[in-house]
Amino acid sequence: MQIVRGLDQYPPDAPPSVVAQGTFDGIHLGHQAVIRMAVGRARALGVRPVAVTFDPHPVAVLRPAEAPPELLPLDERLDRIAELGPDVCLVIPFTPEFSRVEAEIYVRDVLLGL
């Protein structure tokens, strides 16, 4: 699995994809199901399966006092995500600035742009 760290590193001419997005902080059964579903759908459509995750956890940035403990370090999360089959994992640094991106803009520019 290719790991892309940051939106600015994701190739603008990347091929079409199906995206599984989440914080994926523990890669529990629900996370696994979401990623596997995206991988299966991508394979059925003949496109690339991509996982998108955030680091650090959004709550750690937005409300640090309420942040959950880190369940898995990022490298271990990426290893577990890789085992589920995506071709690429995009790690988006979660910052205060990123948190202010409007949902419609994020969907249009990031998700639809992937």
C-alpha atoms as a PDB file:
ATOM      1  CA  MET A   1       0.000   0.000   0.000  1.00  0.00           C
ATOM      2  CA  GLN A   2       1.281   3.410  -0.933  1.00  0.00           C
ATOM      3  CA  ILE A   3       1.148   5.947   1.898  1.00  0.00           C
ATOM      4  CA  VAL A   4       0.592   9.570   0.926  1.00  0.00           C
ATOM      5  CA  ARG A   5       1.136  12.060   3.701  1.00  0.00           C
ATOM      6  CA  GLY A   6      -0.777  15.265   3.069  1.00  0.00           C
ATOM      7  CA  LEU A   7      -3.212  16.486   0.455  1.00  0.00           C
ATOM      8  CA  ASP A   8      -0.452  18.403  -1.292  1.00  0.00           C
ATOM      9  CA  GLN A   9       1.331  15.095  -1.948  1.00  0.00           C
ATOM     10  CA  TYR A  10      -1.666  13.386  -3.541  1.00  0.00           C
ATOM     11  CA  PRO A  11      -1.241  13.417  -7.323  1.00  0.00           C
ATOM     12  CA  PRO A  12      -3.808  15.669  -9.003  1.00  0.00           C
ATOM     13  CA  ASP A  13      -3.959  13.314 -11.989  1.00  0.00           C
ATOM     14  CA  ALA A  14      -4.600  10.186  -9.887  1.00  0.00           C
ATOM     15  CA  PRO A  15      -6.982   7.648 -11.398  1.00  0.00           C
ATOM     16  CA  PRO A  16     -10.608   7.258 -10.197  1.00  0.00           C
ATOM     17  CA  SER A  17     -11.087   5.629  -6.824  1.00  0.00           C
ATOM     18  CA  VAL A  18     -13.486   4.455  -4.169  1.00  0.00           C
ATOM     19  CA  VAL A  19     -12.671   6.036  -0.818  1.00  0.00           C
ATOM     20  CA  ALA A  20     -13.079   4.738   2.730  1.00  0.00           C
ATOM     21  CA  GLN A  21     -12.665   7.654   5.092  1.00  0.00           C
ATOM     22  CA  GLY A  22     -12.381   7.726   8.846  1.00  0.00           C
ATOM     23  CA  THR A  23     -10.152   8.442  11.767  1.00  0.00           C
ATOM     24  CA  PHE A  24      -9.603   4.684  11.938  1.00  0.00           C
ATOM     25  CA  ASP A  25      -8.109   5.129  15.391  1.00  0.00           C
ATOM     26  CA  GLY A  26      -8.341   1.486  16.410  1.00  0.00           C
ATOM     27  CA  ILE A  27      -9.164  -0.433  13.232  1.00  0.00           C
ATOM     28  CA  HIS A  28     -12.006  -2.218  15.029  1.00  0.00           C
ATOM     29  CA  LEU A  29     -14.498  -4.455  13.226  1.00  0.00           C
ATOM     30  CA  GLY A  30     -16.581  -1.516  12.014  1.00  0.00           C
ATOM     31  CA  HIS A  31     -13.519   0.203  10.563  1.00  0.00           C
ATOM     32  CA  GLN A  32     -12.489  -3.051   8.921  1.00  0.00           C
ATOM     33  CA  ALA A  33     -15.939  -3.452   7.366  1.00  0.00           C
ATOM     34  CA  VAL A  34     -15.885   0.090   5.935  1.00  0.00           C
ATOM     35  CA  ILE A  35     -12.442  -0.385   4.402  1.00  0.00           C
ATOM     36  CA  ARG A  36     -13.230  -3.861   3.062  1.00  0.00           C
ATOM     37  CA  MET A  37     -16.474  -2.590   1.526  1.00  0.00           C
ATOM     38  CA  ALA A  38     -14.641   0.214  -0.257  1.00  0.00           C
ATOM     39  CA  VAL A  39     -11.956  -2.201  -1.476  1.00  0.00           C
ATOM     40  CA  GLY A  40     -14.592  -4.630  -2.763  1.00  0.00           C
ATOM     41  CA  ARG A  41     -16.555  -1.884  -4.490  1.00  0.00           C
ATOM     42  CA  ALA A  42     -13.404  -0.459  -6.065  1.00  0.00           C
ATOM     43  CA  ARG A  43     -12.350  -3.872  -7.369  1.00  0.00           C
ATOM     44  CA  ALA A  44     -15.842  -4.456  -8.790  1.00  0.00           C
ATOM     45  CA  LEU A  45     -15.700  -1.109 -10.594  1.00  0.00           C
ATOM     46  CA  GLY A  46     -12.117  -1.566 -11.743  1.00  0.00           C
ATOM     47  CA  VAL A  47     -10.870   1.517  -9.900  1.00  0.00           C
ATOM     48  CA  ARG A  48      -8.392   2.098  -7.135  1.00  0.00           C
ATOM     49  CA  PRO A  49      -9.349   1.570  -3.466  1.00  0.00           C
ATOM     50  CA  VAL A  50      -8.161   4.419  -1.245  1.00  0.00           C
ATOM     51  CA  ALA A  51      -8.315   4.833   2.526  1.00  0.00           C
ATOM     52  CA  VAL A  52      -8.283   8.356   3.954  1.00  0.00           C
ATOM     53  CA  THR A  53      -7.468   8.936   7.594  1.00  0.00           C
ATOM     54  CA  PHE A  54      -6.554  11.853   9.815  1.00  0.00           C
ATOM     55  CA  ASP A  55      -3.630  12.388  12.144  1.00  0.00           C
ATOM     56  CA  PRO A  56      -3.795  13.457  14.861  1.00  0.00           C
ATOM     57  CA  HIS A  57      -7.279  12.527  15.998  1.00  0.00           C
ATOM     58  CA  PRO A  58      -9.584  15.495  15.261  1.00  0.00           C
ATOM     59  CA  VAL A  59     -10.739  15.742  18.888  1.00  0.00           C
ATOM     60  CA  ALA A  60      -7.095  16.097  19.989  1.00  0.00           C
ATOM     61  CA  VAL A  61      -6.929  19.254  17.881  1.00  0.00           C
ATOM     62  CA  LEU A  62     -10.396  20.682  18.470  1.00  0.00           C
ATOM     63  CA  ARG A  63     -10.905  19.809  22.147  1.00  0.00           C
ATOM     64  CA  PRO A  64      -7.580  18.542  23.545  1.00  0.00           C
ATOM     65  CA  ALA A  65      -8.922  18.116  27.081  1.00  0.00           C
ATOM     66  CA  GLU A  66     -11.535  15.673  25.740  1.00  0.00           C
ATOM     67  CA  ALA A  67      -9.242  13.768  23.382  1.00  0.00           C
ATOM     68  CA  PRO A  68      -9.483  10.007  23.613  1.00  0.00           C
ATOM     69  CA  PRO A  69      -6.293   8.137  24.362  1.00  0.00           C
ATOM     70  CA  GLU A  70      -4.407   7.020  21.279  1.00  0.00           C
ATOM     71  CA  LEU A  71      -5.454   3.425  20.622  1.00  0.00           C
ATOM     72  CA  LEU A  72      -2.784   2.690  18.025  1.00  0.00           C
ATOM     73  CA  PRO A  73       0.166   4.741  16.819  1.00  0.00           C
ATOM     74  CA  LEU A  74      -0.176   5.930  13.230  1.00  0.00           C
ATOM     75  CA  ASP A  75       2.370   3.464  11.843  1.00  0.00           C
ATOM     76  CA  GLU A  76       0.480   0.530  13.344  1.00  0.00           C
ATOM     77  CA  ARG A  77      -2.829   1.901  12.068  1.00  0.00           C
ATOM     78  CA  LEU A  78      -1.327   2.110   8.592  1.00  0.00           C
ATOM     79  CA  ASP A  79      -0.054  -1.467   8.827  1.00  0.00           C
ATOM     80  CA  ARG A  80      -3.529  -2.689   9.777  1.00  0.00           C
ATOM     81  CA  ILE A  81      -5.187  -0.625   7.060  1.00  0.00           C
ATOM     82  CA  ALA A  82      -2.743  -2.089   4.520  1.00  0.00           C
ATOM     83  CA  GLU A  83      -3.781  -5.609   5.520  1.00  0.00           C
ATOM     84  CA  LEU A  84      -7.349  -4.763   4.435  1.00  0.00           C
ATOM     85  CA  GLY A  85      -6.377  -4.156   0.831  1.00  0.00           C
ATOM     86  CA  PRO A  86      -6.434  -0.496  -0.210  1.00  0.00           C
ATOM     87  CA  ASP A  87      -3.865   0.485  -2.811  1.00  0.00           C
ATOM     88  CA  VAL A  88      -3.303   3.883  -1.199  1.00  0.00           C
ATOM     89  CA  CYS A  89      -3.775   5.460   2.209  1.00  0.00           C
ATOM     90  CA  LEU A  90      -3.913   9.232   2.320  1.00  0.00           C
ATOM     91  CA  VAL A  91      -3.041  10.622   5.750  1.00  0.00           C
ATOM     92  CA  ILE A  92      -4.444  14.115   6.133  1.00  0.00           C
ATOM     93  CA  PRO A  93      -2.819  16.156   8.895  1.00  0.00           C
ATOM     94  CA  PHE A  94      -5.709  17.378  11.008  1.00  0.00           C
ATOM     95  CA  THR A  95      -5.046  21.002  11.930  1.00  0.00           C
ATOM     96  CA  PRO A  96      -7.196  23.883  13.156  1.00  0.00           C
ATOM     97  CA  GLU A  97      -7.030  25.326   9.627  1.00  0.00           C
ATOM     98  CA  PHE A  98      -8.142  22.057   8.046  1.00  0.00           C
ATOM     99  CA  SER A  99     -11.044  21.826  10.505  1.00  0.00           C
ATOM    100  CA  ARG A 100     -12.430  25.063   9.074  1.00  0.00           C
ATOM    101  CA  VAL A 101     -12.756  23.732   5.523  1.00  0.00           C
ATOM    102  CA  GLU A 102     -16.451  23.727   4.632  1.00  0.00           C
ATOM    103  CA  ALA A 103     -17.967  20.279   4.090  1.00  0.00           C
ATOM    104  CA  GLU A 104     -19.068  21.060   0.521  1.00  0.00           C
ATOM    105  CA  ILE A 105     -15.592  22.278  -0.378  1.00  0.00           C
ATOM    106  CA  TYR A 106     -14.000  19.202   1.193  1.00  0.00           C
ATOM    107  CA  VAL A 107     -16.274  16.862  -0.741  1.00  0.00           C
ATOM    108  CA  ARG A 108     -15.800  18.734  -4.013  1.00  0.00           C
ATOM    109  CA  ASP A 109     -12.076  19.419  -3.801  1.00  0.00           C
ATOM    110  CA  VAL A 110     -10.831  16.415  -1.846  1.00  0.00           C
ATOM    111  CA  LEU A 111     -13.193  13.465  -2.139  1.00  0.00           C
ATOM    112  CA  LEU A 112     -14.407  14.104  -5.669  1.00  0.00           C
ATOM    113  CA  GLY A 113     -10.926  15.246  -6.616  1.00  0.00           C
ATOM    114  CA  LEU A 114      -9.431  11.926  -5.520  1.00  0.00           C
END
